[in-house]
Amino acid sequence: MARKVAADYVRKGAKEATAFIAYAIGQAEPVAAAVRIDGREEPISGYDLRPRAIIESLALRAPQYLPTARYGHFGNGYTWD
């Protein structure tokens, strides 16, 4: 999900973006969520970062092992790109 967040910021015009998301066991909400955009850091907003929401939004329960093994995990039109 961090990769998707960073990629979305780059699509919006950032030259470089790095997302950081940290979780604690037993808590659905992340304890920290920030994105560094072109050297400045700001909180991530506009995304549901709870584990269940990430699983649903990225369709992680749908097995995609063969295509990702064949073509790689990034840059091939997957929901997390």
C-alpha atoms as a PDB file:
ATOM      1  CA  MET A   1       0.000   0.000   0.000  1.00  0.00           C
ATOM      2  CA  ALA A   2       2.923   2.322   0.681  1.00  0.00           C
ATOM      3  CA  ARG A   3       4.052   1.825  -2.909  1.00  0.00           C
ATOM      4  CA  LYS A   4       0.566   2.668  -4.204  1.00  0.00           C
ATOM      5  CA  VAL A   5       0.445   5.836  -2.108  1.00  0.00           C
ATOM      6  CA  ALA A   6       3.874   6.945  -3.346  1.00  0.00           C
ATOM      7  CA  ALA A   7       3.010   6.100  -6.970  1.00  0.00           C
ATOM      8  CA  ASP A   8      -0.227   8.089  -6.713  1.00  0.00           C
ATOM      9  CA  TYR A   9       1.675  11.157  -5.497  1.00  0.00           C
ATOM     10  CA  VAL A  10       4.100  10.832  -8.418  1.00  0.00           C
ATOM     11  CA  ARG A  11       1.146  10.597 -10.813  1.00  0.00           C
ATOM     12  CA  LYS A  12      -0.165  13.835  -9.273  1.00  0.00           C
ATOM     13  CA  GLY A  13       3.059  15.619 -10.191  1.00  0.00           C
ATOM     14  CA  ALA A  14       5.661  14.883  -7.526  1.00  0.00           C
ATOM     15  CA  LYS A  15       9.150  14.173  -8.858  1.00  0.00           C
ATOM     16  CA  GLU A  16       9.888  11.759  -6.020  1.00  0.00           C
ATOM     17  CA  ALA A  17       7.706  10.287  -3.262  1.00  0.00           C
ATOM     18  CA  THR A  18       8.377   7.796  -0.473  1.00  0.00           C
ATOM     19  CA  ALA A  19       5.596   6.585   1.827  1.00  0.00           C
ATOM     20  CA  PHE A  20       6.105   5.301   5.370  1.00  0.00           C
ATOM     21  CA  ILE A  21       3.388   3.355   7.195  1.00  0.00           C
ATOM     22  CA  ALA A  22       3.845   1.753  10.630  1.00  0.00           C
ATOM     23  CA  TYR A  23       1.484  -0.549  12.487  1.00  0.00           C
ATOM     24  CA  ALA A  24       1.195  -1.942  16.008  1.00  0.00           C
ATOM     25  CA  ILE A  25      -0.102  -5.424  16.740  1.00  0.00           C
ATOM     26  CA  GLY A  26      -3.787  -5.360  17.645  1.00  0.00           C
ATOM     27  CA  GLN A  27      -4.502  -1.908  16.184  1.00  0.00           C
ATOM     28  CA  ALA A  28      -6.299  -1.468  12.884  1.00  0.00           C
ATOM     29  CA  GLU A  29      -5.186   2.112  12.316  1.00  0.00           C
ATOM     30  CA  PRO A  30      -1.509   2.739  11.581  1.00  0.00           C
ATOM     31  CA  VAL A  31       0.492   4.367  14.364  1.00  0.00           C
ATOM     32  CA  ALA A  32       2.349   6.456  11.774  1.00  0.00           C
ATOM     33  CA  ALA A  33       1.622   7.285   8.138  1.00  0.00           C
ATOM     34  CA  ALA A  34       3.617   9.889   6.245  1.00  0.00           C
ATOM     35  CA  VAL A  35       4.803  10.558   2.724  1.00  0.00           C
ATOM     36  CA  ARG A  36       7.976  12.414   1.773  1.00  0.00           C
ATOM     37  CA  ILE A  37       7.263  14.382  -1.390  1.00  0.00           C
ATOM     38  CA  ASP A  38      10.220  16.043  -3.108  1.00  0.00           C
ATOM     39  CA  GLY A  39      12.014  16.363   0.228  1.00  0.00           C
ATOM     40  CA  ARG A  40       9.132  17.583   2.397  1.00  0.00           C
ATOM     41  CA  GLU A  41       7.147  15.299   4.666  1.00  0.00           C
ATOM     42  CA  GLU A  42       3.396  15.367   5.216  1.00  0.00           C
ATOM     43  CA  PRO A  43       0.816  12.990   6.680  1.00  0.00           C
ATOM     44  CA  ILE A  44      -0.886  10.557   4.309  1.00  0.00           C
ATOM     45  CA  SER A  45      -4.509  11.506   3.797  1.00  0.00           C
ATOM     46  CA  GLY A  46      -7.288  10.225   1.590  1.00  0.00           C
ATOM     47  CA  TYR A  47      -6.473   6.527   1.999  1.00  0.00           C
ATOM     48  CA  ASP A  48      -8.003   3.898   4.262  1.00  0.00           C
ATOM     49  CA  LEU A  49      -4.860   2.304   5.701  1.00  0.00           C
ATOM     50  CA  ARG A  50      -6.503  -0.316   7.891  1.00  0.00           C
ATOM     51  CA  PRO A  51      -5.314  -3.841   6.975  1.00  0.00           C
ATOM     52  CA  ARG A  52      -8.764  -5.081   5.954  1.00  0.00           C
ATOM     53  CA  ALA A  53      -9.310  -2.032   3.727  1.00  0.00           C
ATOM     54  CA  ILE A  54      -5.903  -2.540   2.092  1.00  0.00           C
ATOM     55  CA  ILE A  55      -6.716  -6.202   1.405  1.00  0.00           C
ATOM     56  CA  GLU A  56      -9.989  -5.191  -0.250  1.00  0.00           C
ATOM     57  CA  SER A  57      -8.718  -2.194  -2.208  1.00  0.00           C
ATOM     58  CA  LEU A  58      -5.717  -4.066  -3.646  1.00  0.00           C
ATOM     59  CA  ALA A  59      -7.683  -7.310  -4.204  1.00  0.00           C
ATOM     60  CA  LEU A  60      -5.078  -9.246  -2.227  1.00  0.00           C
ATOM     61  CA  ARG A  61      -7.357 -12.246  -1.701  1.00  0.00           C
ATOM     62  CA  ALA A  62      -7.422 -12.893  -5.470  1.00  0.00           C
ATOM     63  CA  PRO A  63      -4.420 -15.118  -6.215  1.00  0.00           C
ATOM     64  CA  GLN A  64      -2.140 -13.583  -8.823  1.00  0.00           C
ATOM     65  CA  TYR A  65       0.884 -15.805  -8.343  1.00  0.00           C
ATOM     66  CA  LEU A  66       1.440 -16.941 -11.921  1.00  0.00           C
ATOM     67  CA  PRO A  67       1.222 -13.503 -13.588  1.00  0.00           C
ATOM     68  CA  THR A  68       3.376 -11.805 -10.946  1.00  0.00           C
ATOM     69  CA  ALA A  69       5.936 -14.609 -11.070  1.00  0.00           C
ATOM     70  CA  ARG A  70       6.069 -14.352 -14.837  1.00  0.00           C
ATOM     71  CA  TYR A  71       6.112 -10.575 -15.304  1.00  0.00           C
ATOM     72  CA  GLY A  72       7.125  -9.164 -11.892  1.00  0.00           C
ATOM     73  CA  HIS A  73       5.183  -7.463  -9.135  1.00  0.00           C
ATOM     74  CA  PHE A  74       5.469  -3.850 -10.292  1.00  0.00           C
ATOM     75  CA  GLY A  75       4.740  -1.901 -13.442  1.00  0.00           C
ATOM     76  CA  ASN A  76       2.324  -4.384 -14.991  1.00  0.00           C
ATOM     77  CA  GLY A  77      -1.058  -2.824 -14.225  1.00  0.00           C
ATOM     78  CA  TYR A  78      -1.741  -4.452 -10.862  1.00  0.00           C
ATOM     79  CA  THR A  79      -3.979  -2.654  -8.361  1.00  0.00           C
ATOM     80  CA  TRP A  80      -0.962  -1.613  -6.282  1.00  0.00           C
ATOM     81  CA  ASP A  81       0.819   0.148  -9.156  1.00  0.00           C
END
